[in-house]
C-alpha atoms as a PDB file:
ATOM      1  CA  MET A   1      96.093 116.279 118.309  1.00  0.00           C
ATOM      2  CA  LYS A   2      92.031 117.236 118.103  1.00  0.00           C
ATOM      3  CA  PRO A   3      90.766 118.456 121.696  1.00  0.00           C
ATOM      4  CA  PRO A   4      89.015 115.463 123.413  1.00  0.00           C
ATOM      5  CA  ARG A   5      84.998 115.919 123.051  1.00  0.00           C
ATOM      6  CA  ARG A   6      83.448 113.431 124.962  1.00  0.00           C
ATOM      7  CA  ILE A   7      85.939 112.043 128.036  1.00  0.00           C
ATOM      8  CA  ILE A   8      84.877 109.535 130.407  1.00  0.00           C
ATOM      9  CA  ILE A   9      86.369 109.339 134.056  1.00  0.00           C
ATOM     10  CA  SER A  10      86.385 105.867 135.310  1.00  0.00           C
ATOM     11  CA  ARG A  11      86.541 105.658 139.007  1.00  0.00           C
ATOM     12  CA  THR A  12      84.487 102.785 140.291  1.00  0.00           C
ATOM     13  CA  ASP A  13      85.612 102.475 144.013  1.00  0.00           C
ATOM     14  CA  SER A  14      84.725 104.272 147.244  1.00  0.00           C
ATOM     15  CA  ILE A  15      83.105 107.660 148.057  1.00  0.00           C
ATOM     16  CA  GLY A  16      86.723 109.285 149.353  1.00  0.00           C
ATOM     17  CA  ASP A  17      88.301 107.972 146.358  1.00  0.00           C
ATOM     18  CA  VAL A  18      86.023 109.233 144.010  1.00  0.00           C
ATOM     19  CA  VAL A  19      86.002 112.666 145.946  1.00  0.00           C
ATOM     20  CA  LEU A  20      89.789 113.046 145.367  1.00  0.00           C
ATOM     21  CA  THR A  21      89.417 112.164 141.481  1.00  0.00           C
ATOM     22  CA  LEU A  22      86.971 114.957 140.697  1.00  0.00           C
ATOM     23  CA  PRO A  23      89.577 117.546 140.394  1.00  0.00           C
ATOM     24  CA  LEU A  24      90.035 115.930 137.098  1.00  0.00           C
ATOM     25  CA  ALA A  25      87.108 117.035 135.741  1.00  0.00           C
ATOM     26  CA  GLY A  26      87.354 120.751 136.715  1.00  0.00           C
ATOM     27  CA  ALA A  27      90.963 120.629 135.122  1.00  0.00           C
ATOM     28  CA  LEU A  28      89.729 119.376 131.886  1.00  0.00           C
ATOM     29  CA  LYS A  29      87.072 121.771 131.756  1.00  0.00           C
ATOM     30  CA  ASP A  30      89.627 124.647 132.359  1.00  0.00           C
ATOM     31  CA  ARG A  31      91.548 123.256 129.687  1.00  0.00           C
ATOM     32  CA  PHE A  32      88.778 122.086 126.984  1.00  0.00           C
ATOM     33  CA  PRO A  33      85.798 124.283 128.080  1.00  0.00           C
ATOM     34  CA  ASP A  34      83.418 123.004 125.811  1.00  0.00           C
ATOM     35  CA  CYS A  35      84.048 118.903 126.381  1.00  0.00           C
ATOM     36  CA  THR A  36      81.654 116.970 127.779  1.00  0.00           C
ATOM     37  CA  ILE A  37      83.032 115.237 131.392  1.00  0.00           C
ATOM     38  CA  ILE A  38      81.252 111.825 131.840  1.00  0.00           C
ATOM     39  CA  PHE A  39      81.694 109.970 135.101  1.00  0.00           C
ATOM     40  CA  LEU A  40      81.893 106.332 135.398  1.00  0.00           C
ATOM     41  CA  GLY A  41      81.018 105.247 138.772  1.00  0.00           C
ATOM     42  CA  ARG A  42      78.949 103.052 140.986  1.00  0.00           C
ATOM     43  CA  ASN A  43      75.179 103.908 141.994  1.00  0.00           C
ATOM     44  CA  TYR A  44      76.050 104.566 145.642  1.00  0.00           C
ATOM     45  CA  THR A  45      78.678 107.645 144.330  1.00  0.00           C
ATOM     46  CA  ARG A  46      76.037 109.177 142.044  1.00  0.00           C
ATOM     47  CA  ASP A  47      74.972 111.791 144.616  1.00  0.00           C
ATOM     48  CA  VAL A  48      78.756 112.665 145.372  1.00  0.00           C
ATOM     49  CA  VAL A  49      79.737 113.204 141.664  1.00  0.00           C
ATOM     50  CA  ALA A  50      76.536 115.018 141.101  1.00  0.00           C
ATOM     51  CA  LEU A  51      78.258 117.688 143.567  1.00  0.00           C
ATOM     52  CA  SER A  52      80.644 118.407 140.989  1.00  0.00           C
ATOM     53  CA  LYS A  53      79.465 121.143 138.422  1.00  0.00           C
ATOM     54  CA  TYR A  54      82.183 120.050 135.934  1.00  0.00           C
ATOM     55  CA  VAL A  55      80.631 116.501 135.704  1.00  0.00           C
ATOM     56  CA  ASP A  56      78.098 116.789 132.850  1.00  0.00           C
ATOM     57  CA  GLU A  57      77.122 112.875 132.711  1.00  0.00           C
ATOM     58  CA  PHE A  58      76.982 110.118 135.385  1.00  0.00           C
ATOM     59  CA  ILE A  59      76.723 106.682 134.038  1.00  0.00           C
ATOM     60  CA  SER A  60      76.838 103.700 136.390  1.00  0.00           C
ATOM     61  CA  TRP A  61      78.583 100.418 135.842  1.00  0.00           C
ATOM     62  CA  ASP A  62      76.381  98.743 138.187  1.00  0.00           C
ATOM     63  CA  ASP A  63      73.622  99.046 135.573  1.00  0.00           C
ATOM     64  CA  VAL A  64      75.227  96.630 133.450  1.00  0.00           C
ATOM     65  CA  ALA A  65      77.263  94.601 135.934  1.00  0.00           C
ATOM     66  CA  ASN A  66      75.755  91.413 135.554  1.00  0.00           C
ATOM     67  CA  ALA A  67      75.112  91.837 131.860  1.00  0.00           C
ATOM     68  CA  ASP A  68      76.833  89.959 128.902  1.00  0.00           C
ATOM     69  CA  ASP A  69      79.634  91.559 127.151  1.00  0.00           C
ATOM     70  CA  SER A  70      78.078  92.244 124.235  1.00  0.00           C
ATOM     71  CA  GLU A  71      75.339  94.658 126.317  1.00  0.00           C
ATOM     72  CA  LYS A  72      78.470  96.028 127.870  1.00  0.00           C
ATOM     73  CA  ILE A  73      80.166  96.676 124.825  1.00  0.00           C
ATOM     74  CA  GLU A  74      77.086  98.728 123.549  1.00  0.00           C
ATOM     75  CA  PHE A  75      76.568 100.297 126.968  1.00  0.00           C
ATOM     76  CA  LEU A  76      80.428 102.172 126.345  1.00  0.00           C
ATOM     77  CA  ARG A  77      79.704 102.752 122.749  1.00  0.00           C
ATOM     78  CA  LYS A  78      76.416 104.452 123.048  1.00  0.00           C
ATOM     79  CA  VAL A  79      78.386 106.869 125.447  1.00  0.00           C
ATOM     80  CA  ASN A  80      80.114 107.628 122.219  1.00  0.00           C
ATOM     81  CA  ALA A  81      83.281 108.749 124.119  1.00  0.00           C
ATOM     82  CA  ASP A  82      86.672 109.703 122.244  1.00  0.00           C
ATOM     83  CA  THR A  83      88.755 109.309 125.717  1.00  0.00           C
ATOM     84  CA  ILE A  84      88.477 107.060 128.735  1.00  0.00           C
ATOM     85  CA  ILE A  85      90.785 107.596 131.776  1.00  0.00           C
ATOM     86  CA  HIS A  86      91.100 104.877 133.645  1.00  0.00           C
ATOM     87  CA  VAL A  87      91.504 106.059 137.222  1.00  0.00           C
ATOM     88  CA  PHE A  88      90.615 103.177 138.834  1.00  0.00           C
ATOM     89  CA  PRO A  89      91.932 100.070 137.106  1.00  0.00           C
ATOM     90  CA  ASP A  90      89.631  97.574 136.415  1.00  0.00           C
ATOM     91  CA  LYS A  91      90.437  94.855 133.968  1.00  0.00           C
ATOM     92  CA  VAL A  92      86.775  94.110 132.651  1.00  0.00           C
ATOM     93  CA  ILE A  93      86.386  97.798 131.822  1.00  0.00           C
ATOM     94  CA  ALA A  94      89.898  97.847 130.223  1.00  0.00           C
ATOM     95  CA  ARG A  95      88.665  95.505 128.007  1.00  0.00           C
ATOM     96  CA  LEU A  96      85.468  96.293 127.096  1.00  0.00           C
ATOM     97  CA  SER A  97      86.530  99.976 126.447  1.00  0.00           C
ATOM     98  CA  ALA A  98      88.978  98.698 123.817  1.00  0.00           C
ATOM     99  CA  LYS A  99      86.632  96.807 122.069  1.00  0.00           C
ATOM    100  CA  ALA A 100      84.045  99.542 122.523  1.00  0.00           C
ATOM    101  CA  GLY A 101      86.318 101.393 120.170  1.00  0.00           C
ATOM    102  CA  ILE A 102      86.898 104.319 122.481  1.00  0.00           C
ATOM    103  CA  PRO A 103      89.697 106.061 120.518  1.00  0.00           C
ATOM    104  CA  MET A 104      92.092 107.277 123.431  1.00  0.00           C
ATOM    105  CA  ARG A 105      92.349 104.756 126.369  1.00  0.00           C
ATOM    106  CA  ILE A 106      94.356 106.044 129.185  1.00  0.00           C
ATOM    107  CA  GLY A 107      95.791 104.088 131.980  1.00  0.00           C
ATOM    108  CA  THR A 108      99.044 103.213 133.933  1.00  0.00           C
ATOM    109  CA  THR A 109     101.935 101.071 133.442  1.00  0.00           C
ATOM    110  CA  GLY A 110     101.284  99.465 136.419  1.00  0.00           C
ATOM    111  CA  ARG A 111      98.505  97.104 135.394  1.00  0.00           C
ATOM    112  CA  VAL A 112      99.900  94.257 132.418  1.00  0.00           C
ATOM    113  CA  TYR A 113      96.228  94.529 130.816  1.00  0.00           C
ATOM    114  CA  HIS A 114      96.411  98.002 129.975  1.00  0.00           C
ATOM    115  CA  TYR A 115      99.431  96.976 127.282  1.00  0.00           C
ATOM    116  CA  ARG A 116      97.205  95.058 125.457  1.00  0.00           C
ATOM    117  CA  HIS A 117      93.786  97.403 126.215  1.00  0.00           C
ATOM    118  CA  CYS A 118      95.183 100.977 126.857  1.00  0.00           C
ATOM    119  CA  ASN A 119      97.126 103.129 124.076  1.00  0.00           C
ATOM    120  CA  LYS A 120      98.174 105.817 126.292  1.00  0.00           C
ATOM    121  CA  LEU A 121     100.443 104.590 129.466  1.00  0.00           C
ATOM    122  CA  VAL A 122     101.402 106.980 131.810  1.00  0.00           C
ATOM    123  CA  PRO A 123     104.361 105.377 134.381  1.00  0.00           C
ATOM    124  CA  PHE A 124     103.714 105.565 137.961  1.00  0.00           C
ATOM    125  CA  SER A 125     102.854 103.561 140.850  1.00  0.00           C
ATOM    126  CA  ARG A 126     100.313 104.160 143.586  1.00  0.00           C
ATOM    127  CA  LYS A 127     101.867 101.796 146.100  1.00  0.00           C
ATOM    128  CA  LYS A 128     105.482 103.672 145.810  1.00  0.00           C
ATOM    129  CA  SER A 129     104.405 107.141 145.102  1.00  0.00           C
ATOM    130  CA  ASP A 130     104.930 110.009 148.033  1.00  0.00           C
ATOM    131  CA  LEU A 131     102.355 111.978 146.035  1.00  0.00           C
ATOM    132  CA  HIS A 132      98.745 112.775 147.697  1.00  0.00           C
ATOM    133  CA  GLU A 133      96.319 110.713 146.142  1.00  0.00           C
ATOM    134  CA  SER A 134      94.601 113.633 144.327  1.00  0.00           C
ATOM    135  CA  ARG A 135      97.823 114.939 142.790  1.00  0.00           C
ATOM    136  CA  LEU A 136      98.824 111.503 141.860  1.00  0.00           C
ATOM    137  CA  ASN A 137      95.374 111.544 139.395  1.00  0.00           C
ATOM    138  CA  PHE A 138      96.486 114.357 137.927  1.00  0.00           C
ATOM    139  CA  LYS A 139      99.466 112.370 136.286  1.00  0.00           C
ATOM    140  CA  LEU A 140      96.761 110.322 134.069  1.00  0.00           C
ATOM    141  CA  LEU A 141      96.039 113.619 132.435  1.00  0.00           C
ATOM    142  CA  LYS A 142      99.133 113.660 130.635  1.00  0.00           C
ATOM    143  CA  PRO A 143      98.061 112.624 127.344  1.00  0.00           C
ATOM    144  CA  VAL A 144      95.681 115.333 127.146  1.00  0.00           C
ATOM    145  CA  ILE A 145      96.739 118.438 128.926  1.00  0.00           C
ATOM    146  CA  GLY A 146     100.466 117.519 129.566  1.00  0.00           C
ATOM    147  CA  ASP A 147     102.379 117.430 132.118  1.00  0.00           C
ATOM    148  CA  PHE A 148     100.161 119.562 135.075  1.00  0.00           C
ATOM    149  CA  ILE A 149     100.015 118.602 138.807  1.00  0.00           C
ATOM    150  CA  PRO A 150      98.957 121.384 141.193  1.00  0.00           C
ATOM    151  CA  GLU A 151     100.102 121.883 144.405  1.00  0.00           C
ATOM    152  CA  LEU A 152      98.191 120.221 147.138  1.00  0.00           C
ATOM    153  CA  GLY A 153      96.748 123.843 148.361  1.00  0.00           C
ATOM    154  CA  GLU A 154      95.444 124.252 144.806  1.00  0.00           C
ATOM    155  CA  VAL A 155      93.490 121.182 144.179  1.00  0.00           C
ATOM    156  CA  TYR A 156      90.437 122.077 145.867  1.00  0.00           C
ATOM    157  CA  HIS A 157      89.890 124.883 143.297  1.00  0.00           C
ATOM    158  CA  TYR A 158      89.062 122.158 140.757  1.00  0.00           C
ATOM    159  CA  TYR A 159      86.262 120.124 142.808  1.00  0.00           C
ATOM    160  CA  GLY A 160      83.440 122.837 141.622  1.00  0.00           C
ATOM    161  CA  PHE A 161      81.038 121.786 144.276  1.00  0.00           C
ATOM    162  CA  GLU A 162      77.613 122.980 144.535  1.00  0.00           C
ATOM    163  CA  VAL A 163      75.034 121.413 147.006  1.00  0.00           C
ATOM    164  CA  PRO A 164      72.022 120.289 144.948  1.00  0.00           C
ATOM    165  CA  GLY A 165      68.567 121.060 147.012  1.00  0.00           C
ATOM    166  CA  LYS A 166      67.504 121.895 150.289  1.00  0.00           C
ATOM    167  CA  LEU A 167      67.625 120.311 153.324  1.00  0.00           C
ATOM    168  CA  GLU A 168      64.313 119.182 154.939  1.00  0.00           C
ATOM    169  CA  ASN A 169      63.164 120.906 157.618  1.00  0.00           C
ATOM    170  CA  LYS A 170      63.194 118.334 160.472  1.00  0.00           C
ATOM    171  CA  TRP A 171      66.873 118.006 159.881  1.00  0.00           C
ATOM    172  CA  ALA A 172      67.705 121.911 159.046  1.00  0.00           C
ATOM    173  CA  SER A 173      65.963 122.510 162.288  1.00  0.00           C
ATOM    174  CA  LEU A 174      68.868 120.674 164.104  1.00  0.00           C
ATOM    175  CA  ILE A 175      71.218 123.278 163.017  1.00  0.00           C
ATOM    176  CA  GLU A 176      71.613 126.050 165.502  1.00  0.00           C
ATOM    177  CA  LYS A 177      73.226 129.285 164.262  1.00  0.00           C
ATOM    178  CA  ASP A 178      74.423 130.291 167.838  1.00  0.00           C
ATOM    179  CA  ARG A 179      76.508 127.344 168.297  1.00  0.00           C
ATOM    180  CA  PHE A 180      79.409 125.456 166.070  1.00  0.00           C
ATOM    181  CA  ASN A 181      77.515 122.400 164.793  1.00  0.00           C
ATOM    182  CA  LEU A 182      80.095 119.817 164.640  1.00  0.00           C
ATOM    183  CA  ILE A 183      79.898 116.331 163.183  1.00  0.00           C
ATOM    184  CA  LEU A 184      81.654 113.494 165.026  1.00  0.00           C
ATOM    185  CA  HIS A 185      81.820 110.359 162.520  1.00  0.00           C
ATOM    186  CA  PRO A 186      83.671 107.691 164.268  1.00  0.00           C
ATOM    187  CA  LYS A 187      83.628 104.899 162.016  1.00  0.00           C
ATOM    188  CA  SER A 188      84.644 103.949 158.447  1.00  0.00           C
ATOM    189  CA  LYS A 189      83.481 100.504 157.718  1.00  0.00           C
ATOM    190  CA  GLY A 190      86.543  98.957 158.233  1.00  0.00           C
ATOM    191  CA  SER A 191      88.273 100.957 155.620  1.00  0.00           C
ATOM    192  CA  ALA A 192      90.493 103.233 157.835  1.00  0.00           C
ATOM    193  CA  ARG A 193      92.183 102.980 161.188  1.00  0.00           C
ATOM    194  CA  GLU A 194      89.979 104.497 163.217  1.00  0.00           C
ATOM    195  CA  TRP A 195      90.106 106.953 165.897  1.00  0.00           C
ATOM    196  CA  PRO A 196      89.004 105.295 169.666  1.00  0.00           C
ATOM    197  CA  PRO A 197      85.353 105.740 170.663  1.00  0.00           C
ATOM    198  CA  GLU A 198      86.749 106.822 174.317  1.00  0.00           C
ATOM    199  CA  ASN A 199      89.070 109.764 172.391  1.00  0.00           C
ATOM    200  CA  TYR A 200      85.456 110.729 170.982  1.00  0.00           C
ATOM    201  CA  SER A 201      84.044 110.923 174.280  1.00  0.00           C
ATOM    202  CA  ARG A 202      86.723 112.701 175.773  1.00  0.00           C
ATOM    203  CA  LEU A 203      86.452 115.439 172.833  1.00  0.00           C
ATOM    204  CA  ILE A 204      82.998 115.431 173.628  1.00  0.00           C
ATOM    205  CA  ASN A 205      83.794 116.792 176.984  1.00  0.00           C
ATOM    206  CA  LEU A 206      86.292 119.157 176.150  1.00  0.00           C
ATOM    207  CA  LEU A 207      84.076 121.118 174.016  1.00  0.00           C
ATOM    208  CA  PRO A 208      82.265 123.635 175.796  1.00  0.00           C
ATOM    209  CA  ALA A 209      78.009 122.773 175.617  1.00  0.00           C
ATOM    210  CA  GLU A 210      77.266 126.434 175.376  1.00  0.00           C
ATOM    211  CA  ALA A 211      79.726 126.874 172.037  1.00  0.00           C
ATOM    212  CA  PHE A 212      79.481 123.409 170.500  1.00  0.00           C
ATOM    213  CA  LYS A 213      76.365 121.078 169.232  1.00  0.00           C
ATOM    214  CA  ILE A 214      77.593 117.962 168.426  1.00  0.00           C
ATOM    215  CA  PHE A 215      76.312 115.338 166.209  1.00  0.00           C
ATOM    216  CA  VAL A 216      77.419 111.673 165.644  1.00  0.00           C
ATOM    217  CA  SER A 217      76.920 110.372 162.329  1.00  0.00           C
ATOM    218  CA  GLY A 218      77.134 107.035 160.434  1.00  0.00           C
ATOM    219  CA  THR A 219      75.263 104.113 159.095  1.00  0.00           C
ATOM    220  CA  LYS A 220      72.598 102.196 161.287  1.00  0.00           C
ATOM    221  CA  GLU A 221      75.058  99.527 161.385  1.00  0.00           C
ATOM    222  CA  GLU A 222      77.761 101.491 162.794  1.00  0.00           C
ATOM    223  CA  GLY A 223      75.141 103.014 165.171  1.00  0.00           C
ATOM    224  CA  ASN A 224      75.017  99.648 166.587  1.00  0.00           C
ATOM    225  CA  LEU A 225      78.642  99.264 167.337  1.00  0.00           C
ATOM    226  CA  LEU A 226      78.491 102.773 168.896  1.00  0.00           C
ATOM    227  CA  LYS A 227      75.883 101.455 171.219  1.00  0.00           C
ATOM    228  CA  THR A 228      77.685 101.693 174.287  1.00  0.00           C
ATOM    229  CA  PHE A 229      79.332 105.159 173.246  1.00  0.00           C
ATOM    230  CA  LEU A 230      76.047 106.830 172.170  1.00  0.00           C
ATOM    231  CA  LEU A 231      74.303 105.661 175.597  1.00  0.00           C
ATOM    232  CA  GLU A 232      77.471 107.389 177.542  1.00  0.00           C
ATOM    233  CA  ASN A 233      77.170 110.521 175.767  1.00  0.00           C
ATOM    234  CA  LYS A 234      73.394 110.365 174.827  1.00  0.00           C
ATOM    235  CA  ASN A 235      72.667 113.613 176.870  1.00  0.00           C
ATOM    236  CA  LYS A 236      75.899 115.629 174.993  1.00  0.00           C
ATOM    237  CA  VAL A 237      75.158 114.740 171.565  1.00  0.00           C
ATOM    238  CA  THR A 238      72.273 114.222 168.740  1.00  0.00           C
ATOM    239  CA  ASP A 239      72.475 110.952 167.275  1.00  0.00           C
ATOM    240  CA  LEU A 240      71.898 110.783 163.584  1.00  0.00           C
ATOM    241  CA  THR A 241      73.255 107.218 163.127  1.00  0.00           C
ATOM    242  CA  GLY A 242      71.090 105.351 160.250  1.00  0.00           C
ATOM    243  CA  LYS A 243      68.821 108.406 160.145  1.00  0.00           C
ATOM    244  CA  PHE A 244      70.158 109.704 156.335  1.00  0.00           C
ATOM    245  CA  SER A 245      70.342 108.669 152.812  1.00  0.00           C
ATOM    246  CA  LEU A 246      73.944 109.937 151.097  1.00  0.00           C
ATOM    247  CA  ARG A 247      72.364 112.610 149.593  1.00  0.00           C
ATOM    248  CA  GLU A 248      70.561 113.795 153.072  1.00  0.00           C
ATOM    249  CA  PHE A 249      73.916 113.570 154.952  1.00  0.00           C
ATOM    250  CA  ILE A 250      75.779 115.547 152.058  1.00  0.00           C
ATOM    251  CA  LEU A 251      73.042 118.403 152.525  1.00  0.00           C
ATOM    252  CA  PHE A 252      73.563 118.158 156.371  1.00  0.00           C
ATOM    253  CA  ILE A 253      77.263 118.352 155.948  1.00  0.00           C
ATOM    254  CA  SER A 254      76.928 121.318 153.821  1.00  0.00           C
ATOM    255  CA  GLN A 255      74.655 123.235 156.634  1.00  0.00           C
ATOM    256  CA  ALA A 256      76.824 122.056 159.686  1.00  0.00           C
ATOM    257  CA  ASP A 257      80.173 123.975 160.449  1.00  0.00           C
ATOM    258  CA  GLY A 258      82.733 121.082 160.880  1.00  0.00           C
ATOM    259  CA  LEU A 259      83.596 117.088 160.970  1.00  0.00           C
ATOM    260  CA  VAL A 260      86.115 114.988 162.603  1.00  0.00           C
ATOM    261  CA  ALA A 261      86.688 111.755 161.402  1.00  0.00           C
ATOM    262  CA  ALA A 262      89.266 109.030 160.166  1.00  0.00           C
ATOM    263  CA  SER A 263      89.838 108.959 156.599  1.00  0.00           C
ATOM    264  CA  THR A 264      86.639 108.338 155.263  1.00  0.00           C
ATOM    265  CA  GLY A 265      84.353 109.403 152.537  1.00  0.00           C
ATOM    266  CA  PRO A 266      82.438 112.073 154.779  1.00  0.00           C
ATOM    267  CA  LEU A 267      85.849 113.600 155.888  1.00  0.00           C
ATOM    268  CA  HIS A 268      86.764 114.353 152.021  1.00  0.00           C
ATOM    269  CA  ILE A 269      83.028 115.771 150.981  1.00  0.00           C
ATOM    270  CA  ALA A 270      83.225 117.966 154.317  1.00  0.00           C
ATOM    271  CA  SER A 271      86.663 119.156 153.426  1.00  0.00           C
ATOM    272  CA  ALA A 272      85.725 119.691 149.496  1.00  0.00           C
ATOM    273  CA  LEU A 273      82.455 121.655 150.668  1.00  0.00           C
ATOM    274  CA  GLY A 274      85.141 123.894 152.789  1.00  0.00           C
ATOM    275  CA  LYS A 275      84.271 122.885 156.097  1.00  0.00           C
ATOM    276  CA  LEU A 276      86.111 122.625 158.928  1.00  0.00           C
ATOM    277  CA  ALA A 277      87.575 118.774 158.163  1.00  0.00           C
ATOM    278  CA  VAL A 278      89.774 117.031 160.798  1.00  0.00           C
ATOM    279  CA  GLY A 279      91.052 114.054 159.966  1.00  0.00           C
ATOM    280  CA  ILE A 280      93.119 111.593 162.324  1.00  0.00           C
ATOM    281  CA  TYR A 281      95.293 109.452 160.677  1.00  0.00           C
ATOM    282  CA  PRO A 282      98.044 106.571 161.266  1.00  0.00           C
ATOM    283  CA  PRO A 283     101.779 107.354 160.430  1.00  0.00           C
ATOM    284  CA  ILE A 284     101.855 104.335 158.257  1.00  0.00           C
ATOM    285  CA  ARG A 285     102.529 103.996 154.573  1.00  0.00           C
ATOM    286  CA  PRO A 286     100.390 104.003 152.837  1.00  0.00           C
ATOM    287  CA  MET A 287      97.447 105.416 155.029  1.00  0.00           C
ATOM    288  CA  HIS A 288      99.536 108.336 156.117  1.00  0.00           C
ATOM    289  CA  PRO A 289      98.312 111.803 155.612  1.00  0.00           C
ATOM    290  CA  GLY A 290     100.666 112.763 152.939  1.00  0.00           C
ATOM    291  CA  ARG A 291      98.807 110.357 150.914  1.00  0.00           C
ATOM    292  CA  TRP A 292      95.307 110.920 152.065  1.00  0.00           C
ATOM    293  CA  ALA A 293      94.736 114.055 153.694  1.00  0.00           C
ATOM    294  CA  PRO A 294      91.380 115.793 153.396  1.00  0.00           C
ATOM    295  CA  VAL A 295      92.117 118.642 150.520  1.00  0.00           C
ATOM    296  CA  GLY A 296      90.098 121.802 151.303  1.00  0.00           C
ATOM    297  CA  LYS A 297      90.688 125.584 152.227  1.00  0.00           C
ATOM    298  CA  ASN A 298      89.967 124.161 156.088  1.00  0.00           C
ATOM    299  CA  ALA A 299      91.041 120.874 155.900  1.00  0.00           C
ATOM    300  CA  HIS A 300      93.473 119.707 159.019  1.00  0.00           C
ATOM    301  CA  TYR A 301      94.845 116.507 159.917  1.00  0.00           C
ATOM    302  CA  LEU A 302      96.646 114.812 163.460  1.00  0.00           C
ATOM    303  CA  VAL A 303      98.984 112.169 163.085  1.00  0.00           C
ATOM    304  CA  ALA A 304     101.012 110.663 165.754  1.00  0.00           C
ATOM    305  CA  ASP A 305     104.629 111.501 165.768  1.00  0.00           C
ATOM    306  CA  LYS A 306     106.528 108.651 165.478  1.00  0.00           C
ATOM    307  CA  SER A 307     107.337 105.532 163.441  1.00  0.00           C
ATOM    308  CA  CYS A 308     104.940 102.941 163.624  1.00  0.00           C
ATOM    309  CA  ASN A 309     105.759  99.356 162.708  1.00  0.00           C
ATOM    310  CA  ASP A 310     103.751  97.151 165.490  1.00  0.00           C
ATOM    311  CA  CYS A 311     100.431  97.596 164.327  1.00  0.00           C
ATOM    312  CA  LYS A 312     100.592  97.849 160.835  1.00  0.00           C
ATOM    313  CA  GLU A 313      98.745  94.001 160.576  1.00  0.00           C
ATOM    314  CA  THR A 314      95.626  95.003 162.830  1.00  0.00           C
ATOM    315  CA  LEU A 315      92.869  97.604 162.810  1.00  0.00           C
ATOM    316  CA  ASP A 316      93.452  98.121 166.368  1.00  0.00           C
ATOM    317  CA  CYS A 317      95.831 101.003 166.076  1.00  0.00           C
ATOM    318  CA  HIS A 318      97.234 102.332 169.141  1.00  0.00           C
ATOM    319  CA  CYS A 319      98.882 105.081 167.213  1.00  0.00           C
ATOM    320  CA  MET A 320      95.703 106.253 166.310  1.00  0.00           C
ATOM    321  CA  ALA A 321      94.785 106.330 170.245  1.00  0.00           C
ATOM    322  CA  GLU A 322      97.711 108.467 170.701  1.00  0.00           C
ATOM    323  CA  VAL A 323      96.354 111.353 168.842  1.00  0.00           C
ATOM    324  CA  GLU A 324      94.826 113.268 172.169  1.00  0.00           C
ATOM    325  CA  ALA A 325      91.565 114.562 172.034  1.00  0.00           C
ATOM    326  CA  GLU A 326      92.981 117.957 173.761  1.00  0.00           C
ATOM    327  CA  GLN A 327      94.939 118.119 170.170  1.00  0.00           C
ATOM    328  CA  VAL A 328      91.833 118.065 168.388  1.00  0.00           C
ATOM    329  CA  SER A 329      89.786 120.313 170.624  1.00  0.00           C
ATOM    330  CA  LYS A 330      92.289 123.148 170.541  1.00  0.00           C
ATOM    331  CA  LEU A 331      92.174 122.733 166.656  1.00  0.00           C
ATOM    332  CA  ILE A 332      88.284 123.015 166.640  1.00  0.00           C
ATOM    333  CA  ARG A 333      88.379 125.885 169.282  1.00  0.00           C
ATOM    334  CA  ASN A 334      90.714 127.795 167.499  1.00  0.00           C
ATOM    335  CA  TYR A 335      88.992 127.722 164.306  1.00  0.00           C
ATOM    336  CA  ALA A 336      85.334 128.247 165.965  1.00  0.00           C
ATOM    337  CA  GLU A 337      87.007 131.671 167.581  1.00  0.00           C
ATOM    338  CA  LYS A 338      88.416 132.615 164.403  1.00  0.00           C
ATOM    339  CA  ASP A 339      85.337 132.115 162.392  1.00  0.00           C
END
């Protein structure tokens, strides 16, 4: 088989999922240094994909989402790819990539339409797998590089994240060199179980102000949801909710020392950038840290040591609340003292 020349990695879903997919680009470049890696994603993930030095081109499905099929097919043809890897299954993209004549089309056996539109099928089920999401993605590389799944502690070597540009001075000046700069990201846009605001408040009170500068991040809408929490802690934290574009937020994370969050995109960005990343998770499949923990050399997670069945159907998860602020504080302080 000829080595692939132009490879599309297709993942058109959320930021955290995209972060955990980007190591595929590093693995492909490691095996085929001269290949071109094209990432097919959504516009709102563009700045995340741009962090990886292993991705050569970004194309946005949003640019053609409302076009007719003929325009979408032409869009894919112009990429001149010889391989497409459907990491995030999408029936339309699978069908149109076949019509566009991309020679190698890789998908899982878990989608019926892949049997019609993909010519390389990889047998696995995300729902039933015990593998971490980042490692599970490597299964899709089997048709091009064979059986290779790195250990979880090795995955971060394939990120290749490089921070583009500099943070504006008005934001860079908030970072204090003589204190540990910690970002708290309490909300998740409903994509994950969240640690309660009262636990974050307890954490803030446990971290000595002379040693820690604490920021609270989130969208403008999330800031509105956190209004009471922010008011209660107004003299102890710097409110950054609604202040940043995604690119600016990435740059700010790159200048900070650590971040605490539930299973969210910012947590995975922080871990991939090598920052202290503390994720708080529920002990529920498939949301548990065995599947979604942050991956990085300074990545950690906390989860209640119990079986959780009674709050599977609600976002109000008392198992999250049972992760104590003292546990999080101890982890952060131990890291800050060693650092």
